Amino acid sequence: MADVSQPSTLSRNTVVFSSNRALAIALSLLAVCVIWFGNTGYRLLGEPDEGRYAEIPREMLASGDWVTPRLNGIPYLEKPPLQYWATALAYSAFGLEHWVSRLWAVTLGLLGVMATYMTARTLWSTRAAEFAALILVSCPLYFIVGHINTLDIGLSFFMNAALACFLMAERATLGNIRRHWMWACWLALAGGFLQKGLVALVLPAATLAIYALVYREWQLWRRLHLVAGLLIVAVLCVPWLVLVSRHNPDFLQFFFIHEHFARFTTTVHSRGEPWWYFIVILSIGVLPWIGTMLRSLFADSPASTGLNVPVLLAIWVATQLAFFSLSGSKLATYIVSAVPPLALLAGRWLDQHATARKLWPPAILIGLWSLLFLFSKPLITHLMRPGEKQLAYLQVSNWGIVAGMVGVAGVIAGLMAMRRDDLRTAMVSLGGGFSLALGILMCGSNSLDALRARPGLAAAIAPHLARDASFYCIGMYLQALPFDLRRTCKLVEYTGELELKFDPEQRHWLPSIAAFAKQWQQQSSAVAIVSPYLLPSLQAAGVTPRTILREDAVAVIVKP
């Protein structure tokens, strides 16, 4: 009887184990989604980037023109259209909401974490994958950029997805499997081009070229399926380039020369920073894990007859750092794509070399970050002068206190696991706790956005803005306002980043207050937002409006 019942018992135990494992995986995925998407709908649109990238797809959906992106009615051709297309489709499915405008960027940020996990799991082990993913989500640079509606997190996803597919292809032993992975790699590169342009092709090519030069691995290029790959990129990317060029004759010169070559070699966009700028940004952005990452970069790689993955990842990081540092245009978000390969290296090193006790440096750094959040209110009170700015940061500090408590709780749980030499639990406590703290802290961004634009401005304007009323933006342009009002404005004495040569009839722009005054007099109903310093100029031009709102940064006037 014992012999008969034993298989049944083992079978039941196996079923129970499988069910528990499935439940644990489901709960883990739910926790990740709650942490990652939790603050997406709470935060207002930030100025200027989030407002811009919310408005362009709104206008695309409203106009029905899916070829030429427009900002405030004027063709906006700085970047390719993939994110605009995806967001416009999301609007059509879920409505014109702030969280929907972020959906593409935030989802790609999470998919980047999943790609990092799957890459590490395939190359090394499940534990290395868990560590790499936890490190990535708890790097402030990746977490914050991954929750902001910009193009950079999408570029990071596509470039690192291409790298992951390439590594899978190199690992494959069967020719057809290798070919399929390389096709996927080229698909990701095409996605990267449609997300942000040539940089998605230049950086991976430079990385492979440097690796091949260092290792004299010239056969590497033969395994790329270049002809098929370039055909994939051409089929996916060239049609849009052709169509948009037909609608906008100066597009190719503007897009490839001005927006790529001139942006890289000059400070035409007024975003110049010192050469060491990205070194500082990257160091601060990965600060809890910077020691682990440095150790992984300089760890000895085992001898291998195949591709040396750690060295390739290190070259990938160095290439990005050098490229963006040499560029004449620098924004902190550009370097976010260097964080996933660093997380891969750090996850591998922890899996192969570390014990729980070696988590003391990140535990201390996460603890210091958390204490900074926790005691931010007295620090702000003593370091900032009283005023509107201090008040806004004090409101942020209310979220910081909660974030600090969560971060400290994660550190305490991590320290308890370290005492038991439980590396996995310590990593979950430290990484998961700090990422949750970052998500809570970001909820305070609404107070900072109030410094740049009044959150209730759209609500104040809407009752006075009838369907047939004209709407003007004089000397200023708040990127999120047209999205909140669901309509564009006519710009007056403002160009900003808009290339007016793509609006030759100037239907959306007036060059002077005198021209505005002439139109204003002819309007039966009109509303305008204006920089307060221009109000005397309006009066001098004969404009006698009724002011319904006046603050330090903006005034709202209506036709009396």
Foldseek 3Di string as FASTA:
>chain_A
DVVVCVVVVVVVVVVVVVVVVVVVVVVVVVLVCCLLLVCLQLADAFPDARLQLLQQLLVCLVVVPQQFTDALNFGDQLFFCPLSVCLNVLCVVPNLGRSSSLVVLLVLLVVQLVLLLVLLCVVPRNQLSLQLSLLQLLQQLSSVSSSHNHLLSLLLSLLVQLVSLCVVLLPDDDLVSSVVSLLVSLVSLLSNCNSGHDVSVVLVVVLVVVLCVVVVVPCSVVSNPVVVSVVSSCVSPVVSVVVNCVLFVCNVCCHPPVSPVCQFQALPVVAADALCVQVVLVCNRSVLCNVLLVCLLPPDFDDDPTDRVSVSLNSSLVSQSNRQSSGRHDDSSNNSSNSSSSSSSSSVCCVPPNWLVVSVSSLVVLLVQLVCLQPVQVVLVVPDDDDLVSVLVNLLSVLSNVLSVLSVQLSVQLVVCSVVRNNSRNSCSNSVSSSSSSSSSVSSVNSVSCVVPNPCPLVLCQVQDDPPAAEEEEPDDRSNNCSSNVHRHAYECDCNPRDCVSVVVSPRYDDHLLVVLVVLVVTPKYKYKYAVVCVVVNVVSVDDWDWPDDDNGITMTIHD
